[in-house]
Amino acid sequence: MTTLSLLVLRAVDPGRLARFYGAFGLSFRTEQHGNGPLHHACDLNGSVLEIYPASSASPRTSGARLGFCVSSIDQALKACGSEARIITAPHESEWGYRAVLQDPEGHKIELTEAR
């Protein structure tokens, strides 16, 4: 069996991105491994999402697409406020009620509502 254990995003403004994801329920803590950079980490039921600062050696990851199941898409969008750019408005689909938005760093996020 294979499971996802780690996803790393690199951002120009990691704090802003952590606050953005925090708006719809993710809880980040600040970490530093050895002499590495300070970054934000969130445990997602056994998988870890980390947000590191982008650098010339490690550019930002704007092409990544993430998917989250939330209890209410409408509440999640309201919590994100003007920080989120809606790509696909909330609608019923074959996967349930879903929306696609873009975070402040350009990552696309697919939200589906828990049934």
PDB file of N, CA and C in Angstrom:
ATOM      1  N   MET A   1       0.842  -1.187   0.000  1.00  0.00           N
ATOM      2  CA  MET A   1       0.000   0.000   0.000  1.00  0.00           C
ATOM      3  C   MET A   1       0.882   1.244   0.000  1.00  0.00           C
ATOM      4  N   THR A   2       0.548   2.223  -0.812  1.00  0.00           N
ATOM      5  CA  THR A   2       1.274   3.480  -0.877  1.00  0.00           C
ATOM      6  C   THR A   2       0.375   4.601  -0.372  1.00  0.00           C
ATOM      7  N   THR A   3       0.922   5.463   0.480  1.00  0.00           N
ATOM      8  CA  THR A   3       0.188   6.618   0.965  1.00  0.00           C
ATOM      9  C   THR A   3       1.054   7.860   0.808  1.00  0.00           C
ATOM     10  N   LEU A   4       0.420   8.993   0.654  1.00  0.00           N
ATOM     11  CA  LEU A   4       1.133  10.254   0.574  1.00  0.00           C
ATOM     12  C   LEU A   4       1.534  10.662   1.977  1.00  0.00           C
ATOM     13  N   SER A   5       2.814  10.921   2.193  1.00  0.00           N
ATOM     14  CA  SER A   5       3.261  11.307   3.529  1.00  0.00           C
ATOM     15  C   SER A   5       3.682  12.768   3.612  1.00  0.00           C
ATOM     16  N   LEU A   6       4.083  13.373   2.497  1.00  0.00           N
ATOM     17  CA  LEU A   6       4.596  14.740   2.537  1.00  0.00           C
ATOM     18  C   LEU A   6       4.300  15.469   1.233  1.00  0.00           C
ATOM     19  N   LEU A   7       3.876  16.716   1.361  1.00  0.00           N
ATOM     20  CA  LEU A   7       3.718  17.613   0.226  1.00  0.00           C
ATOM     21  C   LEU A   7       4.346  18.937   0.629  1.00  0.00           C
ATOM     22  N   VAL A   8       5.284  19.428  -0.169  1.00  0.00           N
ATOM     23  CA  VAL A   8       5.975  20.685   0.121  1.00  0.00           C
ATOM     24  C   VAL A   8       5.591  21.717  -0.929  1.00  0.00           C
ATOM     25  N   LEU A   9       5.136  22.867  -0.460  1.00  0.00           N
ATOM     26  CA  LEU A   9       4.899  24.020  -1.316  1.00  0.00           C
ATOM     27  C   LEU A   9       5.980  25.045  -1.014  1.00  0.00           C
ATOM     28  N   ARG A  10       6.424  25.752  -2.027  1.00  0.00           N
ATOM     29  CA  ARG A  10       7.399  26.830  -1.843  1.00  0.00           C
ATOM     30  C   ARG A  10       6.713  28.128  -2.255  1.00  0.00           C
ATOM     31  N   ALA A  11       6.819  29.127  -1.374  1.00  0.00           N
ATOM     32  CA  ALA A  11       6.063  30.362  -1.557  1.00  0.00           C
ATOM     33  C   ALA A  11       6.941  31.595  -1.353  1.00  0.00           C
ATOM     34  N   VAL A  12       6.608  32.645  -2.064  1.00  0.00           N
ATOM     35  CA  VAL A  12       7.275  33.927  -1.874  1.00  0.00           C
ATOM     36  C   VAL A  12       6.957  34.455  -0.476  1.00  0.00           C
ATOM     37  N   ASP A  13       5.711  34.261  -0.026  1.00  0.00           N
ATOM     38  CA  ASP A  13       5.289  34.705   1.305  1.00  0.00           C
ATOM     39  C   ASP A  13       4.659  33.512   2.039  1.00  0.00           C
ATOM     40  N   PRO A  14       5.494  32.655   2.658  1.00  0.00           N
ATOM     41  CA  PRO A  14       4.983  31.444   3.308  1.00  0.00           C
ATOM     42  C   PRO A  14       3.968  31.719   4.418  1.00  0.00           C
ATOM     43  N   GLY A  15       4.170  32.790   5.170  1.00  0.00           N
ATOM     44  CA  GLY A  15       3.230  33.116   6.244  1.00  0.00           C
ATOM     45  C   GLY A  15       1.852  33.428   5.721  1.00  0.00           C
ATOM     46  N   ARG A  16       1.792  34.198   4.657  1.00  0.00           N
ATOM     47  CA  ARG A  16       0.504  34.532   4.025  1.00  0.00           C
ATOM     48  C   ARG A  16      -0.187  33.268   3.537  1.00  0.00           C
ATOM     49  N   LEU A  17       0.586  32.362   2.939  1.00  0.00           N
ATOM     50  CA  LEU A  17      -0.007  31.133   2.424  1.00  0.00           C
ATOM     51  C   LEU A  17      -0.514  30.247   3.568  1.00  0.00           C
ATOM     52  N   ALA A  18       0.230  30.171   4.667  1.00  0.00           N
ATOM     53  CA  ALA A  18      -0.223  29.390   5.828  1.00  0.00           C
ATOM     54  C   ALA A  18      -1.503  29.987   6.406  1.00  0.00           C
ATOM     55  N   ARG A  19      -1.591  31.308   6.469  1.00  0.00           N
ATOM     56  CA  ARG A  19      -2.819  31.948   6.960  1.00  0.00           C
ATOM     57  C   ARG A  19      -3.984  31.662   6.030  1.00  0.00           C
ATOM     58  N   PHE A  20      -3.716  31.674   4.711  1.00  0.00           N
ATOM     59  CA  PHE A  20      -4.758  31.387   3.727  1.00  0.00           C
ATOM     60  C   PHE A  20      -5.353  29.991   3.978  1.00  0.00           C
ATOM     61  N   TYR A  21      -4.490  28.981   4.075  1.00  0.00           N
ATOM     62  CA  TYR A  21      -4.980  27.621   4.305  1.00  0.00           C
ATOM     63  C   TYR A  21      -5.568  27.466   5.706  1.00  0.00           C
ATOM     64  N   GLY A  22      -5.063  28.231   6.652  1.00  0.00           N
ATOM     65  CA  GLY A  22      -5.624  28.217   8.002  1.00  0.00           C
ATOM     66  C   GLY A  22      -7.059  28.702   8.036  1.00  0.00           C
ATOM     67  N   ALA A  23      -7.418  29.578   7.095  1.00  0.00           N
ATOM     68  CA  ALA A  23      -8.777  30.117   7.051  1.00  0.00           C
ATOM     69  C   ALA A  23      -9.818  29.037   6.839  1.00  0.00           C
ATOM     70  N   PHE A  24      -9.441  27.939   6.175  1.00  0.00           N
ATOM     71  CA  PHE A  24     -10.435  26.874   6.042  1.00  0.00           C
ATOM     72  C   PHE A  24     -10.067  25.615   6.809  1.00  0.00           C
ATOM     73  N   GLY A  25      -9.390  25.813   7.953  1.00  0.00           N
ATOM     74  CA  GLY A  25      -9.287  24.744   8.927  1.00  0.00           C
ATOM     75  C   GLY A  25      -7.947  24.060   9.101  1.00  0.00           C
ATOM     76  N   LEU A  26      -6.934  24.382   8.300  1.00  0.00           N
ATOM     77  CA  LEU A  26      -5.632  23.742   8.493  1.00  0.00           C
ATOM     78  C   LEU A  26      -4.871  24.481   9.591  1.00  0.00           C
ATOM     79  N   SER A  27      -4.229  23.729  10.447  1.00  0.00           N
ATOM     80  CA  SER A  27      -3.515  24.304  11.586  1.00  0.00           C
ATOM     81  C   SER A  27      -2.010  24.090  11.414  1.00  0.00           C
ATOM     82  N   PHE A  28      -1.287  25.188  11.209  1.00  0.00           N
ATOM     83  CA  PHE A  28       0.152  25.121  10.958  1.00  0.00           C
ATOM     84  C   PHE A  28       0.948  25.463  12.205  1.00  0.00           C
ATOM     85  N   ARG A  29       2.128  24.863  12.304  1.00  0.00           N
ATOM     86  CA  ARG A  29       3.102  25.218  13.329  1.00  0.00           C
ATOM     87  C   ARG A  29       4.396  25.584  12.592  1.00  0.00           C
ATOM     88  N   THR A  30       5.212  26.412  13.215  1.00  0.00           N
ATOM     89  CA  THR A  30       6.489  26.800  12.622  1.00  0.00           C
ATOM     90  C   THR A  30       7.539  25.784  13.022  1.00  0.00           C
ATOM     91  N   GLU A  31       8.339  25.353  12.039  1.00  0.00           N
ATOM     92  CA  GLU A  31       9.387  24.357  12.276  1.00  0.00           C
ATOM     93  C   GLU A  31      10.686  24.804  11.609  1.00  0.00           C
ATOM     94  N   GLN A  32      11.761  24.179  12.049  1.00  0.00           N
ATOM     95  CA  GLN A  32      13.056  24.336  11.392  1.00  0.00           C
ATOM     96  C   GLN A  32      13.840  23.058  11.626  1.00  0.00           C
ATOM     97  N   HIS A  33      14.337  22.465  10.569  1.00  0.00           N
ATOM     98  CA  HIS A  33      15.116  21.232  10.665  1.00  0.00           C
ATOM     99  C   HIS A  33      16.593  21.577  10.514  1.00  0.00           C
ATOM    100  N   GLY A  34      17.349  21.417  11.581  1.00  0.00           N
ATOM    101  CA  GLY A  34      18.773  21.735  11.539  1.00  0.00           C
ATOM    102  C   GLY A  34      18.997  23.184  11.157  1.00  0.00           C
ATOM    103  N   ASN A  35      19.846  23.417  10.176  1.00  0.00           N
ATOM    104  CA  ASN A  35      20.136  24.770   9.700  1.00  0.00           C
ATOM    105  C   ASN A  35      19.224  25.206   8.563  1.00  0.00           C
ATOM    106  N   GLY A  36      18.215  24.401   8.265  1.00  0.00           N
ATOM    107  CA  GLY A  36      17.299  24.730   7.179  1.00  0.00           C
ATOM    108  C   GLY A  36      16.444  25.938   7.504  1.00  0.00           C
ATOM    109  N   PRO A  37      15.657  26.395   6.534  1.00  0.00           N
ATOM    110  CA  PRO A  37      14.833  27.584   6.739  1.00  0.00           C
ATOM    111  C   PRO A  37      13.633  27.310   7.649  1.00  0.00           C
ATOM    112  N   LEU A  38      13.191  28.352   8.316  1.00  0.00           N
ATOM    113  CA  LEU A  38      11.925  28.273   9.039  1.00  0.00           C
ATOM    114  C   LEU A  38      10.826  28.014   8.019  1.00  0.00           C
ATOM    115  N   HIS A  39       9.877  27.179   8.379  1.00  0.00           N
ATOM    116  CA  HIS A  39       8.764  26.880   7.480  1.00  0.00           C
ATOM    117  C   HIS A  39       7.537  26.548   8.308  1.00  0.00           C
ATOM    118  N   HIS A  40       6.420  26.364   7.649  1.00  0.00           N
ATOM    119  CA  HIS A  40       5.144  26.053   8.292  1.00  0.00           C
ATOM    120  C   HIS A  40       4.775  24.611   7.965  1.00  0.00           C
ATOM    121  N   ALA A  41       4.292  23.877   8.962  1.00  0.00           N
ATOM    122  CA  ALA A  41       3.930  22.469   8.772  1.00  0.00           C
ATOM    123  C   ALA A  41       2.561  22.199   9.366  1.00  0.00           C
ATOM    124  N   CYS A  42       1.822  21.328   8.690  1.00  0.00           N
ATOM    125  CA  CYS A  42       0.477  20.955   9.120  1.00  0.00           C
ATOM    126  C   CYS A  42       0.312  19.447   8.946  1.00  0.00           C
ATOM    127  N   ASP A  43      -0.146  18.781   9.982  1.00  0.00           N
ATOM    128  CA  ASP A  43      -0.424  17.342   9.911  1.00  0.00           C
ATOM    129  C   ASP A  43      -1.851  17.156   9.422  1.00  0.00           C
ATOM    130  N   LEU A  44      -1.993  16.440   8.317  1.00  0.00           N
ATOM    131  CA  LEU A  44      -3.308  16.170   7.728  1.00  0.00           C
ATOM    132  C   LEU A  44      -3.616  14.681   7.853  1.00  0.00           C
ATOM    133  N   ASN A  45      -3.895  14.239   9.064  1.00  0.00           N
ATOM    134  CA  ASN A  45      -4.227  12.832   9.312  1.00  0.00           C
ATOM    135  C   ASN A  45      -3.152  11.884   8.801  1.00  0.00           C
ATOM    136  N   GLY A  46      -1.890  12.190   9.115  1.00  0.00           N
ATOM    137  CA  GLY A  46      -0.799  11.317   8.733  1.00  0.00           C
ATOM    138  C   GLY A  46       0.014  11.788   7.548  1.00  0.00           C
ATOM    139  N   SER A  47      -0.524  12.706   6.776  1.00  0.00           N
ATOM    140  CA  SER A  47       0.240  13.349   5.703  1.00  0.00           C
ATOM    141  C   SER A  47       0.635  14.735   6.202  1.00  0.00           C
ATOM    142  N   VAL A  48       1.796  15.210   5.785  1.00  0.00           N
ATOM    143  CA  VAL A  48       2.262  16.517   6.226  1.00  0.00           C
ATOM    144  C   VAL A  48       2.303  17.464   5.030  1.00  0.00           C
ATOM    145  N   LEU A  49       1.728  18.641   5.214  1.00  0.00           N
ATOM    146  CA  LEU A  49       1.811  19.723   4.242  1.00  0.00           C
ATOM    147  C   LEU A  49       2.770  20.746   4.820  1.00  0.00           C
ATOM    148  N   GLU A  50       3.840  21.062   4.075  1.00  0.00           N
ATOM    149  CA  GLU A  50       4.810  22.053   4.525  1.00  0.00           C
ATOM    150  C   GLU A  50       4.865  23.195   3.523  1.00  0.00           C
ATOM    151  N   ILE A  51       5.039  24.402   4.052  1.00  0.00           N
ATOM    152  CA  ILE A  51       5.183  25.593   3.225  1.00  0.00           C
ATOM    153  C   ILE A  51       6.530  26.215   3.547  1.00  0.00           C
ATOM    154  N   TYR A  52       7.426  26.166   2.569  1.00  0.00           N
ATOM    155  CA  TYR A  52       8.781  26.689   2.699  1.00  0.00           C
ATOM    156  C   TYR A  52       8.906  27.996   1.927  1.00  0.00           C
ATOM    157  N   PRO A  53       9.854  28.830   2.320  1.00  0.00           N
ATOM    158  CA  PRO A  53      10.108  30.021   1.505  1.00  0.00           C
ATOM    159  C   PRO A  53      10.758  29.639   0.179  1.00  0.00           C
ATOM    160  N   ALA A  54      10.341  30.302  -0.868  1.00  0.00           N
ATOM    161  CA  ALA A  54      10.965  30.094  -2.182  1.00  0.00           C
ATOM    162  C   ALA A  54      12.325  30.787  -2.183  1.00  0.00           C
ATOM    163  N   SER A  55      13.212  30.275  -3.006  1.00  0.00           N
ATOM    164  CA  SER A  55      14.542  30.876  -3.154  1.00  0.00           C
ATOM    165  C   SER A  55      15.004  30.647  -4.588  1.00  0.00           C
ATOM    166  N   SER A  56      16.157  31.202  -4.926  1.00  0.00           N
ATOM    167  CA  SER A  56      16.674  30.980  -6.283  1.00  0.00           C
ATOM    168  C   SER A  56      17.001  29.504  -6.502  1.00  0.00           C
ATOM    169  N   ALA A  57      17.415  28.816  -5.440  1.00  0.00           N
ATOM    170  CA  ALA A  57      17.731  27.387  -5.551  1.00  0.00           C
ATOM    171  C   ALA A  57      16.477  26.523  -5.535  1.00  0.00           C
ATOM    172  N   SER A  58      15.416  27.012  -4.903  1.00  0.00           N
ATOM    173  CA  SER A  58      14.150  26.267  -4.797  1.00  0.00           C
ATOM    174  C   SER A  58      12.997  27.216  -5.118  1.00  0.00           C
ATOM    175  N   PRO A  59      12.668  27.371  -6.402  1.00  0.00           N
ATOM    176  CA  PRO A  59      11.631  28.338  -6.780  1.00  0.00           C
ATOM    177  C   PRO A  59      10.239  27.936  -6.301  1.00  0.00           C
ATOM    178  N   ARG A  60       9.340  28.892  -6.339  1.00  0.00           N
ATOM    179  CA  ARG A  60       7.970  28.638  -5.870  1.00  0.00           C
ATOM    180  C   ARG A  60       7.292  27.554  -6.705  1.00  0.00           C
ATOM    181  N   THR A  61       6.292  26.937  -6.111  1.00  0.00           N
ATOM    182  CA  THR A  61       5.624  25.771  -6.697  1.00  0.00           C
ATOM    183  C   THR A  61       4.239  26.124  -7.225  1.00  0.00           C
ATOM    184  N   SER A  62       4.092  27.184  -7.945  1.00  0.00           N
ATOM    185  CA  SER A  62       2.773  27.670  -8.343  1.00  0.00           C
ATOM    186  C   SER A  62       1.989  26.716  -9.228  1.00  0.00           C
ATOM    187  N   GLY A  63       2.619  25.728  -9.834  1.00  0.00           N
ATOM    188  CA  GLY A  63       1.909  24.811 -10.717  1.00  0.00           C
ATOM    189  C   GLY A  63       1.204  23.670 -10.001  1.00  0.00           C
ATOM    190  N   ALA A  64       1.397  23.541  -8.701  1.00  0.00           N
ATOM    191  CA  ALA A  64       0.782  22.434  -7.955  1.00  0.00           C
ATOM    192  C   ALA A  64      -0.733  22.635  -7.841  1.00  0.00           C
ATOM    193  N   ARG A  65      -1.450  21.527  -7.821  1.00  0.00           N
ATOM    194  CA  ARG A  65      -2.903  21.551  -7.591  1.00  0.00           C
ATOM    195  C   ARG A  65      -3.180  20.649  -6.404  1.00  0.00           C
ATOM    196  N   LEU A  66      -3.923  21.163  -5.446  1.00  0.00           N
ATOM    197  CA  LEU A  66      -4.235  20.428  -4.228  1.00  0.00           C
ATOM    198  C   LEU A  66      -5.733  20.212  -4.150  1.00  0.00           C
ATOM    199  N   GLY A  67      -6.146  19.174  -3.447  1.00  0.00           N
ATOM    200  CA  GLY A  67      -7.562  18.919  -3.252  1.00  0.00           C
ATOM    201  C   GLY A  67      -7.855  18.710  -1.778  1.00  0.00           C
ATOM    202  N   PHE A  68      -8.913  19.349  -1.296  1.00  0.00           N
ATOM    203  CA  PHE A  68      -9.315  19.214   0.097  1.00  0.00           C
ATOM    204  C   PHE A  68     -10.810  18.939   0.165  1.00  0.00           C
ATOM    205  N   CYS A  69     -11.180  18.102   1.091  1.00  0.00           N
ATOM    206  CA  CYS A  69     -12.585  17.869   1.405  1.00  0.00           C
ATOM    207  C   CYS A  69     -12.907  18.721   2.633  1.00  0.00           C
ATOM    208  N   VAL A  70     -13.882  19.600   2.519  1.00  0.00           N
ATOM    209  CA  VAL A  70     -14.253  20.502   3.606  1.00  0.00           C
ATOM    210  C   VAL A  70     -15.709  20.271   3.995  1.00  0.00           C
ATOM    211  N   SER A  71     -16.052  20.696   5.190  1.00  0.00           N
ATOM    212  CA  SER A  71     -17.436  20.499   5.635  1.00  0.00           C
ATOM    213  C   SER A  71     -18.395  21.442   4.918  1.00  0.00           C
ATOM    214  N   SER A  72     -17.927  22.632   4.536  1.00  0.00           N
ATOM    215  CA  SER A  72     -18.777  23.582   3.809  1.00  0.00           C
ATOM    216  C   SER A  72     -17.906  24.411   2.870  1.00  0.00           C
ATOM    217  N   ILE A  73     -18.124  24.274   1.583  1.00  0.00           N
ATOM    218  CA  ILE A  73     -17.400  25.072   0.602  1.00  0.00           C
ATOM    219  C   ILE A  73     -17.734  26.543   0.772  1.00  0.00           C
ATOM    220  N   ASP A  74     -19.008  26.858   0.972  1.00  0.00           N
ATOM    221  CA  ASP A  74     -19.408  28.253   1.104  1.00  0.00           C
ATOM    222  C   ASP A  74     -18.708  28.911   2.290  1.00  0.00           C
ATOM    223  N   GLN A  75     -18.618  28.221   3.414  1.00  0.00           N
ATOM    224  CA  GLN A  75     -17.915  28.770   4.581  1.00  0.00           C
ATOM    225  C   GLN A  75     -16.421  28.902   4.310  1.00  0.00           C
ATOM    226  N   ALA A  76     -15.835  27.923   3.628  1.00  0.00           N
ATOM    227  CA  ALA A  76     -14.407  27.980   3.301  1.00  0.00           C
ATOM    228  C   ALA A  76     -14.106  29.185   2.419  1.00  0.00           C
ATOM    229  N   LEU A  77     -14.923  29.419   1.408  1.00  0.00           N
ATOM    230  CA  LEU A  77     -14.710  30.557   0.526  1.00  0.00           C
ATOM    231  C   LEU A  77     -14.890  31.874   1.266  1.00  0.00           C
ATOM    232  N   LYS A  78     -15.877  31.924   2.144  1.00  0.00           N
ATOM    233  CA  LYS A  78     -16.097  33.136   2.935  1.00  0.00           C
ATOM    234  C   LYS A  78     -14.895  33.390   3.844  1.00  0.00           C
ATOM    235  N   ALA A  79     -14.347  32.329   4.447  1.00  0.00           N
ATOM    236  CA  ALA A  79     -13.199  32.475   5.352  1.00  0.00           C
ATOM    237  C   ALA A  79     -11.959  32.962   4.607  1.00  0.00           C
ATOM    238  N   CYS A  80     -11.792  32.552   3.356  1.00  0.00           N
ATOM    239  CA  CYS A  80     -10.630  32.974   2.553  1.00  0.00           C
ATOM    240  C   CYS A  80     -10.754  34.420   2.109  1.00  0.00           C
ATOM    241  N   GLY A  81     -11.979  34.903   2.011  1.00  0.00           N
ATOM    242  CA  GLY A  81     -12.206  36.286   1.616  1.00  0.00           C
ATOM    243  C   GLY A  81     -11.601  36.619   0.266  1.00  0.00           C
ATOM    244  N   SER A  82     -11.020  37.788   0.184  1.00  0.00           N
ATOM    245  CA  SER A  82     -10.471  38.271  -1.089  1.00  0.00           C
ATOM    246  C   SER A  82      -9.141  37.612  -1.443  1.00  0.00           C
ATOM    247  N   GLU A  83      -8.590  36.789  -0.552  1.00  0.00           N
ATOM    248  CA  GLU A  83      -7.331  36.103  -0.826  1.00  0.00           C
ATOM    249  C   GLU A  83      -7.490  35.015  -1.891  1.00  0.00           C
ATOM    250  N   ALA A  84      -8.699  34.520  -2.051  1.00  0.00           N
ATOM    251  CA  ALA A  84      -8.945  33.428  -3.003  1.00  0.00           C
ATOM    252  C   ALA A  84      -9.477  33.980  -4.327  1.00  0.00           C
ATOM    253  N   ARG A  85      -8.946  33.464  -5.406  1.00  0.00           N
ATOM    254  CA  ARG A  85      -9.480  33.765  -6.737  1.00  0.00           C
ATOM    255  C   ARG A  85     -10.263  32.544  -7.193  1.00  0.00           C
ATOM    256  N   ILE A  86     -11.548  32.702  -7.397  1.00  0.00           N
ATOM    257  CA  ILE A  86     -12.389  31.571  -7.786  1.00  0.00           C
ATOM    258  C   ILE A  86     -12.185  31.279  -9.267  1.00  0.00           C
ATOM    259  N   ILE A  87     -11.809  30.046  -9.563  1.00  0.00           N
ATOM    260  CA  ILE A  87     -11.615  29.581 -10.941  1.00  0.00           C
ATOM    261  C   ILE A  87     -12.904  28.960 -11.446  1.00  0.00           C
ATOM    262  N   THR A  88     -13.494  28.058 -10.638  1.00  0.00           N
ATOM    263  CA  THR A  88     -14.765  27.411 -10.954  1.00  0.00           C
ATOM    264  C   THR A  88     -15.685  27.595  -9.750  1.00  0.00           C
ATOM    265  N   ALA A  89     -16.774  28.290  -9.945  1.00  0.00           N
ATOM    266  CA  ALA A  89     -17.712  28.562  -8.859  1.00  0.00           C
ATOM    267  C   ALA A  89     -18.276  27.258  -8.293  1.00  0.00           C
ATOM    268  N   PRO A  90     -18.702  27.279  -7.031  1.00  0.00           N
ATOM    269  CA  PRO A  90     -19.286  26.068  -6.435  1.00  0.00           C
ATOM    270  C   PRO A  90     -20.465  25.565  -7.268  1.00  0.00           C
ATOM    271  N   HIS A  91     -20.462  24.248  -7.499  1.00  0.00           N
ATOM    272  CA  HIS A  91     -21.531  23.633  -8.289  1.00  0.00           C
ATOM    273  C   HIS A  91     -21.578  22.133  -7.992  1.00  0.00           C
ATOM    274  N   GLU A  92     -22.687  21.524  -8.315  1.00  0.00           N
ATOM    275  CA  GLU A  92     -22.813  20.074  -8.200  1.00  0.00           C
ATOM    276  C   GLU A  92     -22.086  19.434  -9.379  1.00  0.00           C
ATOM    277  N   SER A  93     -21.339  18.384  -9.089  1.00  0.00           N
ATOM    278  CA  SER A  93     -20.618  17.668 -10.136  1.00  0.00           C
ATOM    279  C   SER A  93     -20.715  16.176  -9.845  1.00  0.00           C
ATOM    280  N   GLU A  94     -20.096  15.383 -10.705  1.00  0.00           N
ATOM    281  CA  GLU A  94     -20.116  13.934 -10.460  1.00  0.00           C
ATOM    282  C   GLU A  94     -19.334  13.565  -9.197  1.00  0.00           C
ATOM    283  N   TRP A  95     -18.488  14.480  -8.698  1.00  0.00           N
ATOM    284  CA  TRP A  95     -17.718  14.237  -7.471  1.00  0.00           C
ATOM    285  C   TRP A  95     -18.381  14.875  -6.259  1.00  0.00           C
ATOM    286  N   GLY A  96     -19.565  15.468  -6.454  1.00  0.00           N
ATOM    287  CA  GLY A  96     -20.266  16.157  -5.374  1.00  0.00           C
ATOM    288  C   GLY A  96     -20.164  17.663  -5.560  1.00  0.00           C
ATOM    289  N   TYR A  97     -20.525  18.392  -4.528  1.00  0.00           N
ATOM    290  CA  TYR A  97     -20.480  19.851  -4.558  1.00  0.00           C
ATOM    291  C   TYR A  97     -19.016  20.262  -4.520  1.00  0.00           C
ATOM    292  N   ARG A  98     -18.559  21.024  -5.522  1.00  0.00           N
ATOM    293  CA  ARG A  98     -17.136  21.345  -5.608  1.00  0.00           C
ATOM    294  C   ARG A  98     -16.913  22.723  -6.189  1.00  0.00           C
ATOM    295  N   ALA A  99     -15.707  23.235  -5.921  1.00  0.00           N
ATOM    296  CA  ALA A  99     -15.263  24.517  -6.466  1.00  0.00           C
ATOM    297  C   ALA A  99     -13.758  24.434  -6.667  1.00  0.00           C
ATOM    298  N   VAL A 100     -13.256  25.251  -7.564  1.00  0.00           N
ATOM    299  CA  VAL A 100     -11.811  25.333  -7.763  1.00  0.00           C
ATOM    300  C   VAL A 100     -11.421  26.792  -7.569  1.00  0.00           C
ATOM    301  N   LEU A 101     -10.386  27.026  -6.775  1.00  0.00           N
ATOM    302  CA  LEU A 101      -9.910  28.364  -6.543  1.00  0.00           C
ATOM    303  C   LEU A 101      -8.401  28.406  -6.657  1.00  0.00           C
ATOM    304  N   GLN A 102      -7.862  29.594  -6.575  1.00  0.00           N
ATOM    305  CA  GLN A 102      -6.416  29.774  -6.658  1.00  0.00           C
ATOM    306  C   GLN A 102      -5.969  30.513  -5.409  1.00  0.00           C
ATOM    307  N   ASP A 103      -4.909  29.991  -4.774  1.00  0.00           N
ATOM    308  CA  ASP A 103      -4.393  30.633  -3.576  1.00  0.00           C
ATOM    309  C   ASP A 103      -3.526  31.833  -3.952  1.00  0.00           C
ATOM    310  N   PRO A 104      -3.087  32.625  -2.969  1.00  0.00           N
ATOM    311  CA  PRO A 104      -2.304  33.829  -3.273  1.00  0.00           C
ATOM    312  C   PRO A 104      -0.983  33.570  -4.002  1.00  0.00           C
ATOM    313  N   GLU A 105      -0.484  32.341  -3.993  1.00  0.00           N
ATOM    314  CA  GLU A 105       0.779  32.015  -4.659  1.00  0.00           C
ATOM    315  C   GLU A 105       0.570  31.359  -6.031  1.00  0.00           C
ATOM    316  N   GLY A 106      -0.691  31.153  -6.427  1.00  0.00           N
ATOM    317  CA  GLY A 106      -0.980  30.610  -7.746  1.00  0.00           C
ATOM    318  C   GLY A 106      -1.301  29.128  -7.796  1.00  0.00           C
ATOM    319  N   HIS A 107      -1.283  28.431  -6.651  1.00  0.00           N
ATOM    320  CA  HIS A 107      -1.663  27.012  -6.635  1.00  0.00           C
ATOM    321  C   HIS A 107      -3.171  26.905  -6.810  1.00  0.00           C
ATOM    322  N   LYS A 108      -3.605  25.943  -7.600  1.00  0.00           N
ATOM    323  CA  LYS A 108      -5.039  25.692  -7.724  1.00  0.00           C
ATOM    324  C   LYS A 108      -5.459  24.730  -6.622  1.00  0.00           C
ATOM    325  N   ILE A 109      -6.645  24.976  -6.087  1.00  0.00           N
ATOM    326  CA  ILE A 109      -7.176  24.161  -5.003  1.00  0.00           C
ATOM    327  C   ILE A 109      -8.566  23.700  -5.375  1.00  0.00           C
ATOM    328  N   GLU A 110      -8.762  22.403  -5.343  1.00  0.00           N
ATOM    329  CA  GLU A 110     -10.081  21.843  -5.584  1.00  0.00           C
ATOM    330  C   GLU A 110     -10.704  21.534  -4.232  1.00  0.00           C
ATOM    331  N   LEU A 111     -11.832  22.161  -3.962  1.00  0.00           N
ATOM    332  CA  LEU A 111     -12.568  21.903  -2.731  1.00  0.00           C
ATOM    333  C   LEU A 111     -13.782  21.046  -3.056  1.00  0.00           C
ATOM    334  N   THR A 112     -13.970  19.981  -2.316  1.00  0.00           N
ATOM    335  CA  THR A 112     -15.206  19.215  -2.406  1.00  0.00           C
ATOM    336  C   THR A 112     -15.820  19.210  -1.026  1.00  0.00           C
ATOM    337  N   GLU A 113     -17.131  19.187  -1.011  1.00  0.00           N
ATOM    338  CA  GLU A 113     -17.848  19.243   0.250  1.00  0.00           C
ATOM    339  C   GLU A 113     -18.122  17.831   0.746  1.00  0.00           C
ATOM    340  N   ALA A 114     -17.826  17.599   2.022  1.00  0.00           N
ATOM    341  CA  ALA A 114     -18.082  16.291   2.623  1.00  0.00           C
ATOM    342  C   ALA A 114     -19.570  16.004   2.551  1.00  0.00           C
ATOM    343  N   ARG A 115     -19.881  14.768   2.188  1.00  0.00           N
ATOM    344  CA  ARG A 115     -21.300  14.391   2.086  1.00  0.00           C
ATOM    345  C   ARG A 115     -21.771  13.801   3.373  1.00  0.00           C
TER     346      ARG A 115
END
